């Protein structure tokens, strides 16, 4: 509950090379093509309501997770009545 209330649910990484990770290992951000698209902003949009334009921006991201696409489309439909 505290995690959701704070909208700090974490971040997501794509694995480039399989292997092992342990405490203290360093990692490097290689690419961030959508710097505005953060987990925090997505949570804020879904849990606190938000701007239709921002939802549409998320939906324009190629290969955006299908579960989030369904959720955002449903949210837009509920708010606007448009499918």
PDB file of N, CA and C in Angstrom:
ATOM      1  N   UNK A   1       0.827  -1.192   0.000  1.00  0.00           N
ATOM      2  CA  UNK A   1       0.000   0.000   0.000  1.00  0.00           C
ATOM      3  C   UNK A   1       0.870   1.254   0.000  1.00  0.00           C
ATOM      4  N   UNK A   2       1.900   1.292   0.828  1.00  0.00           N
ATOM      5  CA  UNK A   2       2.778   2.466   0.859  1.00  0.00           C
ATOM      6  C   UNK A   2       3.467   2.672  -0.484  1.00  0.00           C
ATOM      7  N   UNK A   3       3.838   1.573  -1.115  1.00  0.00           N
ATOM      8  CA  UNK A   3       4.485   1.667  -2.419  1.00  0.00           C
ATOM      9  C   UNK A   3       3.554   2.311  -3.437  1.00  0.00           C
ATOM     10  N   UNK A   4       2.319   1.865  -3.478  1.00  0.00           N
ATOM     11  CA  UNK A   4       1.341   2.430  -4.418  1.00  0.00           C
ATOM     12  C   UNK A   4       1.027   3.876  -4.056  1.00  0.00           C
ATOM     13  N   UNK A   5       0.832   4.160  -2.759  1.00  0.00           N
ATOM     14  CA  UNK A   5       0.522   5.531  -2.337  1.00  0.00           C
ATOM     15  C   UNK A   5       1.619   6.503  -2.744  1.00  0.00           C
ATOM     16  N   UNK A   6       2.877   6.049  -2.678  1.00  0.00           N
ATOM     17  CA  UNK A   6       4.009   6.903  -3.033  1.00  0.00           C
ATOM     18  C   UNK A   6       4.291   6.879  -4.537  1.00  0.00           C
ATOM     19  N   UNK A   7       3.613   5.975  -5.261  1.00  0.00           N
ATOM     20  CA  UNK A   7       3.803   5.797  -6.707  1.00  0.00           C
ATOM     21  C   UNK A   7       5.234   5.402  -7.055  1.00  0.00           C
ATOM     22  N   UNK A   8       5.923   4.783  -6.123  1.00  0.00           N
ATOM     23  CA  UNK A   8       7.316   4.365  -6.323  1.00  0.00           C
ATOM     24  C   UNK A   8       7.370   2.845  -6.399  1.00  0.00           C
ATOM     25  N   UNK A   9       6.983   2.310  -7.542  1.00  0.00           N
ATOM     26  CA  UNK A   9       6.914   0.857  -7.666  1.00  0.00           C
ATOM     27  C   UNK A   9       8.166   0.257  -8.284  1.00  0.00           C
ATOM     28  N   UNK A  10       9.149   1.054  -8.609  1.00  0.00           N
ATOM     29  CA  UNK A  10      10.396   0.516  -9.135  1.00  0.00           C
ATOM     30  C   UNK A  10      10.686   0.987 -10.544  1.00  0.00           C
ATOM     31  N   UNK A  11      11.609   0.296 -11.162  1.00  0.00           N
ATOM     32  CA  UNK A  11      11.957   0.597 -12.543  1.00  0.00           C
ATOM     33  C   UNK A  11      12.199  -0.726 -13.251  1.00  0.00           C
ATOM     34  N   UNK A  12      12.249  -0.678 -14.560  1.00  0.00           N
ATOM     35  CA  UNK A  12      12.345  -1.895 -15.348  1.00  0.00           C
ATOM     36  C   UNK A  12      13.568  -1.824 -16.243  1.00  0.00           C
ATOM     37  N   UNK A  13      14.228  -2.958 -16.394  1.00  0.00           N
ATOM     38  CA  UNK A  13      15.425  -3.047 -17.215  1.00  0.00           C
ATOM     39  C   UNK A  13      15.253  -4.144 -18.248  1.00  0.00           C
ATOM     40  N   UNK A  14      15.882  -3.974 -19.371  1.00  0.00           N
ATOM     41  CA  UNK A  14      15.919  -5.042 -20.372  1.00  0.00           C
ATOM     42  C   UNK A  14      17.261  -5.749 -20.224  1.00  0.00           C
ATOM     43  N   UNK A  15      17.245  -7.059 -20.189  1.00  0.00           N
ATOM     44  CA  UNK A  15      18.472  -7.844 -20.052  1.00  0.00           C
ATOM     45  C   UNK A  15      19.129  -7.958 -21.419  1.00  0.00           C
ATOM     46  N   UNK A  16      20.388  -7.509 -21.505  1.00  0.00           N
ATOM     47  CA  UNK A  16      21.128  -7.589 -22.761  1.00  0.00           C
ATOM     48  C   UNK A  16      21.959  -8.859 -22.833  1.00  0.00           C
ATOM     49  N   UNK A  17      22.531  -9.260 -21.707  1.00  0.00           N
ATOM     50  CA  UNK A  17      23.336 -10.477 -21.628  1.00  0.00           C
ATOM     51  C   UNK A  17      22.933 -11.233 -20.378  1.00  0.00           C
ATOM     52  N   UNK A  18      22.649 -12.516 -20.540  1.00  0.00           N
ATOM     53  CA  UNK A  18      22.291 -13.342 -19.385  1.00  0.00           C
ATOM     54  C   UNK A  18      23.504 -13.477 -18.466  1.00  0.00           C
ATOM     55  N   UNK A  19      23.240 -13.563 -17.185  1.00  0.00           N
ATOM     56  CA  UNK A  19      24.329 -13.714 -16.226  1.00  0.00           C
ATOM     57  C   UNK A  19      23.813 -13.545 -14.820  1.00  0.00           C
ATOM     58  N   UNK A  20      24.715 -13.244 -13.925  1.00  0.00           N
ATOM     59  CA  UNK A  20      24.364 -13.093 -12.518  1.00  0.00           C
ATOM     60  C   UNK A  20      24.646 -11.668 -12.058  1.00  0.00           C
ATOM     61  N   UNK A  21      23.831 -11.176 -11.172  1.00  0.00           N
ATOM     62  CA  UNK A  21      23.992  -9.846 -10.593  1.00  0.00           C
ATOM     63  C   UNK A  21      23.997 -10.013  -9.087  1.00  0.00           C
ATOM     64  N   UNK A  22      24.851  -9.256  -8.438  1.00  0.00           N
ATOM     65  CA  UNK A  22      24.886  -9.316  -6.977  1.00  0.00           C
ATOM     66  C   UNK A  22      25.036  -7.909  -6.416  1.00  0.00           C
ATOM     67  N   UNK A  23      24.790  -7.779  -5.150  1.00  0.00           N
ATOM     68  CA  UNK A  23      24.902  -6.476  -4.486  1.00  0.00           C
ATOM     69  C   UNK A  23      26.278  -5.886  -4.760  1.00  0.00           C
ATOM     70  N   UNK A  24      26.292  -4.609  -5.094  1.00  0.00           N
ATOM     71  CA  UNK A  24      27.548  -3.912  -5.346  1.00  0.00           C
ATOM     72  C   UNK A  24      27.940  -3.869  -6.820  1.00  0.00           C
ATOM     73  N   UNK A  25      27.312  -4.700  -7.658  1.00  0.00           N
ATOM     74  CA  UNK A  25      27.613  -4.665  -9.088  1.00  0.00           C
ATOM     75  C   UNK A  25      27.138  -3.340  -9.671  1.00  0.00           C
ATOM     76  N   UNK A  26      27.875  -2.839 -10.637  1.00  0.00           N
ATOM     77  CA  UNK A  26      27.487  -1.603 -11.308  1.00  0.00           C
ATOM     78  C   UNK A  26      26.679  -1.934 -12.552  1.00  0.00           C
ATOM     79  N   UNK A  27      25.816  -1.003 -12.936  1.00  0.00           N
ATOM     80  CA  UNK A  27      25.097  -1.135 -14.188  1.00  0.00           C
ATOM     81  C   UNK A  27      25.056   0.227 -14.845  1.00  0.00           C
ATOM     82  N   UNK A  28      24.832   0.226 -16.136  1.00  0.00           N
ATOM     83  CA  UNK A  28      24.897   1.458 -16.916  1.00  0.00           C
ATOM     84  C   UNK A  28      23.624   1.624 -17.745  1.00  0.00           C
ATOM     85  N   UNK A  29      23.073   2.814 -17.724  1.00  0.00           N
ATOM     86  CA  UNK A  29      21.936   3.144 -18.577  1.00  0.00           C
ATOM     87  C   UNK A  29      22.479   3.373 -19.985  1.00  0.00           C
ATOM     88  N   UNK A  30      22.079   2.523 -20.917  1.00  0.00           N
ATOM     89  CA  UNK A  30      22.596   2.582 -22.276  1.00  0.00           C
ATOM     90  C   UNK A  30      21.743   3.481 -23.160  1.00  0.00           C
ATOM     91  N   UNK A  31      20.442   3.440 -22.956  1.00  0.00           N
ATOM     92  CA  UNK A  31      19.537   4.186 -23.823  1.00  0.00           C
ATOM     93  C   UNK A  31      18.278   4.544 -23.043  1.00  0.00           C
ATOM     94  N   UNK A  32      17.750   5.723 -23.291  1.00  0.00           N
ATOM     95  CA  UNK A  32      16.489   6.149 -22.690  1.00  0.00           C
ATOM     96  C   UNK A  32      15.724   6.956 -23.740  1.00  0.00           C
ATOM     97  N   UNK A  33      15.086   6.232 -24.694  1.00  0.00           N
ATOM     98  CA  UNK A  33      14.457   6.924 -25.815  1.00  0.00           C
ATOM     99  C   UNK A  33      13.231   7.756 -25.439  1.00  0.00           C
ATOM    100  N   UNK A  34      12.620   7.466 -24.306  1.00  0.00           N
ATOM    101  CA  UNK A  34      11.433   8.204 -23.865  1.00  0.00           C
ATOM    102  C   UNK A  34      11.664   8.682 -22.428  1.00  0.00           C
ATOM    103  N   UNK A  35      12.493   9.701 -22.228  1.00  0.00           N
ATOM    104  CA  UNK A  35      12.835  10.125 -20.864  1.00  0.00           C
ATOM    105  C   UNK A  35      11.635  10.592 -20.050  1.00  0.00           C
ATOM    106  N   UNK A  36      10.574  11.013 -20.699  1.00  0.00           N
ATOM    107  CA  UNK A  36       9.356  11.451 -20.004  1.00  0.00           C
ATOM    108  C   UNK A  36       8.550  10.261 -19.501  1.00  0.00           C
ATOM    109  N   UNK A  37       8.794   9.073 -20.057  1.00  0.00           N
ATOM    110  CA  UNK A  37       8.002   7.876 -19.733  1.00  0.00           C
ATOM    111  C   UNK A  37       8.625   7.152 -18.545  1.00  0.00           C
ATOM    112  N   UNK A  38       8.249   7.582 -17.361  1.00  0.00           N
ATOM    113  CA  UNK A  38       8.776   6.959 -16.152  1.00  0.00           C
ATOM    114  C   UNK A  38       7.703   6.088 -15.504  1.00  0.00           C
ATOM    115  N   UNK A  39       8.140   5.155 -14.681  1.00  0.00           N
ATOM    116  CA  UNK A  39       7.198   4.319 -13.937  1.00  0.00           C
ATOM    117  C   UNK A  39       6.356   5.207 -13.028  1.00  0.00           C
ATOM    118  N   UNK A  40       6.983   6.216 -12.430  1.00  0.00           N
ATOM    119  CA  UNK A  40       6.256   7.136 -11.552  1.00  0.00           C
ATOM    120  C   UNK A  40       5.135   7.847 -12.320  1.00  0.00           C
ATOM    121  N   UNK A  41       5.463   8.389 -13.495  1.00  0.00           N
ATOM    122  CA  UNK A  41       4.457   9.117 -14.286  1.00  0.00           C
ATOM    123  C   UNK A  41       3.328   8.196 -14.737  1.00  0.00           C
ATOM    124  N   UNK A  42       3.667   6.957 -15.091  1.00  0.00           N
ATOM    125  CA  UNK A  42       2.639   5.998 -15.498  1.00  0.00           C
ATOM    126  C   UNK A  42       1.729   5.649 -14.322  1.00  0.00           C
ATOM    127  N   UNK A  43       2.318   5.437 -13.153  1.00  0.00           N
ATOM    128  CA  UNK A  43       1.518   5.160 -11.955  1.00  0.00           C
ATOM    129  C   UNK A  43       0.629   6.344 -11.600  1.00  0.00           C
ATOM    130  N   UNK A  44       1.177   7.545 -11.693  1.00  0.00           N
ATOM    131  CA  UNK A  44       0.389   8.739 -11.391  1.00  0.00           C
ATOM    132  C   UNK A  44      -0.809   8.838 -12.342  1.00  0.00           C
ATOM    133  N   UNK A  45      -0.560   8.569 -13.601  1.00  0.00           N
ATOM    134  CA  UNK A  45      -1.621   8.605 -14.605  1.00  0.00           C
ATOM    135  C   UNK A  45      -2.708   7.578 -14.288  1.00  0.00           C
ATOM    136  N   UNK A  46      -2.308   6.384 -13.926  1.00  0.00           N
ATOM    137  CA  UNK A  46      -3.278   5.301 -13.701  1.00  0.00           C
ATOM    138  C   UNK A  46      -3.975   5.381 -12.349  1.00  0.00           C
ATOM    139  N   UNK A  47      -3.264   5.795 -11.314  1.00  0.00           N
ATOM    140  CA  UNK A  47      -3.836   5.762  -9.967  1.00  0.00           C
ATOM    141  C   UNK A  47      -4.434   7.088  -9.515  1.00  0.00           C
ATOM    142  N   UNK A  48      -3.952   8.185 -10.093  1.00  0.00           N
ATOM    143  CA  UNK A  48      -4.436   9.493  -9.644  1.00  0.00           C
ATOM    144  C   UNK A  48      -5.152  10.256 -10.744  1.00  0.00           C
ATOM    145  N   UNK A  49      -5.245   9.647 -11.883  1.00  0.00           N
ATOM    146  CA  UNK A  49      -5.869  10.337 -13.008  1.00  0.00           C
ATOM    147  C   UNK A  49      -4.856  11.234 -13.677  1.00  0.00           C
ATOM    148  N   UNK A  50      -5.128  11.607 -14.844  1.00  0.00           N
ATOM    149  CA  UNK A  50      -4.161  12.452 -15.519  1.00  0.00           C
ATOM    150  C   UNK A  50      -4.648  12.852 -16.881  1.00  0.00           C
ATOM    151  N   UNK A  51      -3.734  13.325 -17.583  1.00  0.00           N
ATOM    152  CA  UNK A  51      -3.924  13.981 -18.845  1.00  0.00           C
ATOM    153  C   UNK A  51      -4.092  12.962 -19.979  1.00  0.00           C
ATOM    154  N   UNK A  52      -5.113  13.161 -20.782  1.00  0.00           N
ATOM    155  CA  UNK A  52      -5.387  12.276 -21.916  1.00  0.00           C
ATOM    156  C   UNK A  52      -4.209  12.270 -22.884  1.00  0.00           C
ATOM    157  N   UNK A  53      -3.592  13.415 -23.095  1.00  0.00           N
ATOM    158  CA  UNK A  53      -2.462  13.503 -24.024  1.00  0.00           C
ATOM    159  C   UNK A  53      -1.299  12.638 -23.552  1.00  0.00           C
ATOM    160  N   UNK A  54      -1.058  12.597 -22.238  1.00  0.00           N
ATOM    161  CA  UNK A  54       0.027  11.765 -21.709  1.00  0.00           C
ATOM    162  C   UNK A  54      -0.289  10.288 -21.930  1.00  0.00           C
ATOM    163  N   UNK A  55      -1.528   9.892 -21.697  1.00  0.00           N
ATOM    164  CA  UNK A  55      -1.927   8.498 -21.942  1.00  0.00           C
ATOM    165  C   UNK A  55      -1.693   8.149 -23.412  1.00  0.00           C
ATOM    166  N   UNK A  56      -2.036   9.057 -24.296  1.00  0.00           N
ATOM    167  CA  UNK A  56      -1.843   8.815 -25.727  1.00  0.00           C
ATOM    168  C   UNK A  56      -0.361   8.734 -26.082  1.00  0.00           C
ATOM    169  N   UNK A  57       0.482   9.505 -25.380  1.00  0.00           N
ATOM    170  CA  UNK A  57       1.924   9.412 -25.603  1.00  0.00           C
ATOM    171  C   UNK A  57       2.432   8.022 -25.232  1.00  0.00           C
ATOM    172  N   UNK A  58       1.999   7.516 -24.083  1.00  0.00           N
ATOM    173  CA  UNK A  58       2.403   6.163 -23.687  1.00  0.00           C
ATOM    174  C   UNK A  58       1.948   5.145 -24.729  1.00  0.00           C
ATOM    175  N   UNK A  59       0.735   5.301 -25.228  1.00  0.00           N
ATOM    176  CA  UNK A  59       0.211   4.359 -26.215  1.00  0.00           C
ATOM    177  C   UNK A  59       0.962   4.426 -27.543  1.00  0.00           C
ATOM    178  N   UNK A  60       1.682   5.514 -27.791  1.00  0.00           N
ATOM    179  CA  UNK A  60       2.439   5.645 -29.036  1.00  0.00           C
ATOM    180  C   UNK A  60       3.813   4.976 -28.967  1.00  0.00           C
ATOM    181  N   UNK A  61       4.211   4.489 -27.788  1.00  0.00           N
ATOM    182  CA  UNK A  61       5.521   3.848 -27.640  1.00  0.00           C
ATOM    183  C   UNK A  61       5.475   2.477 -28.318  1.00  0.00           C
ATOM    184  N   UNK A  62       6.362   2.238 -29.284  1.00  0.00           N
ATOM    185  CA  UNK A  62       6.392   0.924 -29.932  1.00  0.00           C
ATOM    186  C   UNK A  62       6.697  -0.173 -28.905  1.00  0.00           C
ATOM    187  N   UNK A  63       6.039  -1.281 -29.037  1.00  0.00           N
ATOM    188  CA  UNK A  63       6.250  -2.448 -28.162  1.00  0.00           C
ATOM    189  C   UNK A  63       5.938  -2.183 -26.699  1.00  0.00           C
ATOM    190  N   UNK A  64       5.090  -1.211 -26.426  1.00  0.00           N
ATOM    191  CA  UNK A  64       4.668  -0.957 -25.045  1.00  0.00           C
ATOM    192  C   UNK A  64       3.943  -2.199 -24.544  1.00  0.00           C
ATOM    193  N   UNK A  65       4.130  -2.544 -23.296  1.00  0.00           N
ATOM    194  CA  UNK A  65       3.583  -3.792 -22.753  1.00  0.00           C
ATOM    195  C   UNK A  65       2.077  -3.888 -23.014  1.00  0.00           C
ATOM    196  N   UNK A  66       1.621  -4.998 -23.594  1.00  0.00           N
ATOM    197  CA  UNK A  66       0.200  -5.145 -23.939  1.00  0.00           C
ATOM    198  C   UNK A  66      -0.749  -4.953 -22.755  1.00  0.00           C
ATOM    199  N   UNK A  67      -0.344  -5.374 -21.574  1.00  0.00           N
ATOM    200  CA  UNK A  67      -1.195  -5.192 -20.396  1.00  0.00           C
ATOM    201  C   UNK A  67      -1.424  -3.725 -20.082  1.00  0.00           C
ATOM    202  N   UNK A  68      -0.378  -2.920 -20.226  1.00  0.00           N
ATOM    203  CA  UNK A  68      -0.511  -1.480 -19.988  1.00  0.00           C
ATOM    204  C   UNK A  68      -1.330  -0.830 -21.094  1.00  0.00           C
ATOM    205  N   UNK A  69      -1.179  -1.315 -22.332  1.00  0.00           N
ATOM    206  CA  UNK A  69      -1.973  -0.770 -23.442  1.00  0.00           C
ATOM    207  C   UNK A  69      -3.460  -0.957 -23.156  1.00  0.00           C
ATOM    208  N   UNK A  70      -3.835  -2.171 -22.750  1.00  0.00           N
ATOM    209  CA  UNK A  70      -5.241  -2.452 -22.433  1.00  0.00           C
ATOM    210  C   UNK A  70      -5.717  -1.546 -21.308  1.00  0.00           C
ATOM    211  N   UNK A  71      -4.905  -1.424 -20.270  1.00  0.00           N
ATOM    212  CA  UNK A  71      -5.293  -0.608 -19.113  1.00  0.00           C
ATOM    213  C   UNK A  71      -5.479   0.861 -19.495  1.00  0.00           C
ATOM    214  N   UNK A  72      -4.535   1.403 -20.265  1.00  0.00           N
ATOM    215  CA  UNK A  72      -4.629   2.816 -20.657  1.00  0.00           C
ATOM    216  C   UNK A  72      -5.805   3.060 -21.599  1.00  0.00           C
ATOM    217  N   UNK A  73      -6.038   2.140 -22.530  1.00  0.00           N
ATOM    218  CA  UNK A  73      -7.181   2.304 -23.434  1.00  0.00           C
ATOM    219  C   UNK A  73      -8.491   2.258 -22.661  1.00  0.00           C
ATOM    220  N   UNK A  74      -8.576   1.357 -21.692  1.00  0.00           N
ATOM    221  CA  UNK A  74      -9.785   1.266 -20.869  1.00  0.00           C
ATOM    222  C   UNK A  74      -9.972   2.551 -20.060  1.00  0.00           C
ATOM    223  N   UNK A  75      -8.873   3.064 -19.509  1.00  0.00           N
ATOM    224  CA  UNK A  75      -8.936   4.296 -18.732  1.00  0.00           C
ATOM    225  C   UNK A  75      -9.416   5.454 -19.611  1.00  0.00           C
ATOM    226  N   UNK A  76      -8.873   5.559 -20.822  1.00  0.00           N
ATOM    227  CA  UNK A  76      -9.291   6.624 -21.737  1.00  0.00           C
ATOM    228  C   UNK A  76     -10.760   6.483 -22.107  1.00  0.00           C
ATOM    229  N   UNK A  77     -11.188   5.263 -22.351  1.00  0.00           N
ATOM    230  CA  UNK A  77     -12.594   5.046 -22.696  1.00  0.00           C
ATOM    231  C   UNK A  77     -13.500   5.439 -21.535  1.00  0.00           C
ATOM    232  N   UNK A  78     -13.120   5.058 -20.320  1.00  0.00           N
ATOM    233  CA  UNK A  78     -13.925   5.408 -19.145  1.00  0.00           C
ATOM    234  C   UNK A  78     -14.020   6.918 -18.963  1.00  0.00           C
ATOM    235  N   UNK A  79     -12.926   7.628 -19.243  1.00  0.00           N
ATOM    236  CA  UNK A  79     -12.904   9.078 -19.024  1.00  0.00           C
ATOM    237  C   UNK A  79     -13.539   9.867 -20.152  1.00  0.00           C
ATOM    238  N   UNK A  80     -13.410   9.347 -21.376  1.00  0.00           N
ATOM    239  CA  UNK A  80     -13.868  10.135 -22.527  1.00  0.00           C
ATOM    240  C   UNK A  80     -15.091   9.541 -23.214  1.00  0.00           C
ATOM    241  N   UNK A  81     -15.343   8.263 -22.966  1.00  0.00           N
ATOM    242  CA  UNK A  81     -16.432   7.586 -23.659  1.00  0.00           C
ATOM    243  C   UNK A  81     -16.065   7.189 -25.073  1.00  0.00           C
ATOM    244  N   UNK A  82     -14.797   7.401 -25.444  1.00  0.00           N
ATOM    245  CA  UNK A  82     -14.326   7.085 -26.794  1.00  0.00           C
ATOM    246  C   UNK A  82     -13.436   5.857 -26.728  1.00  0.00           C
ATOM    247  N   UNK A  83     -13.661   4.926 -27.645  1.00  0.00           N
ATOM    248  CA  UNK A  83     -12.845   3.713 -27.691  1.00  0.00           C
ATOM    249  C   UNK A  83     -11.699   3.892 -28.641  1.00  0.00           C
TER     250      UNK A  83
END
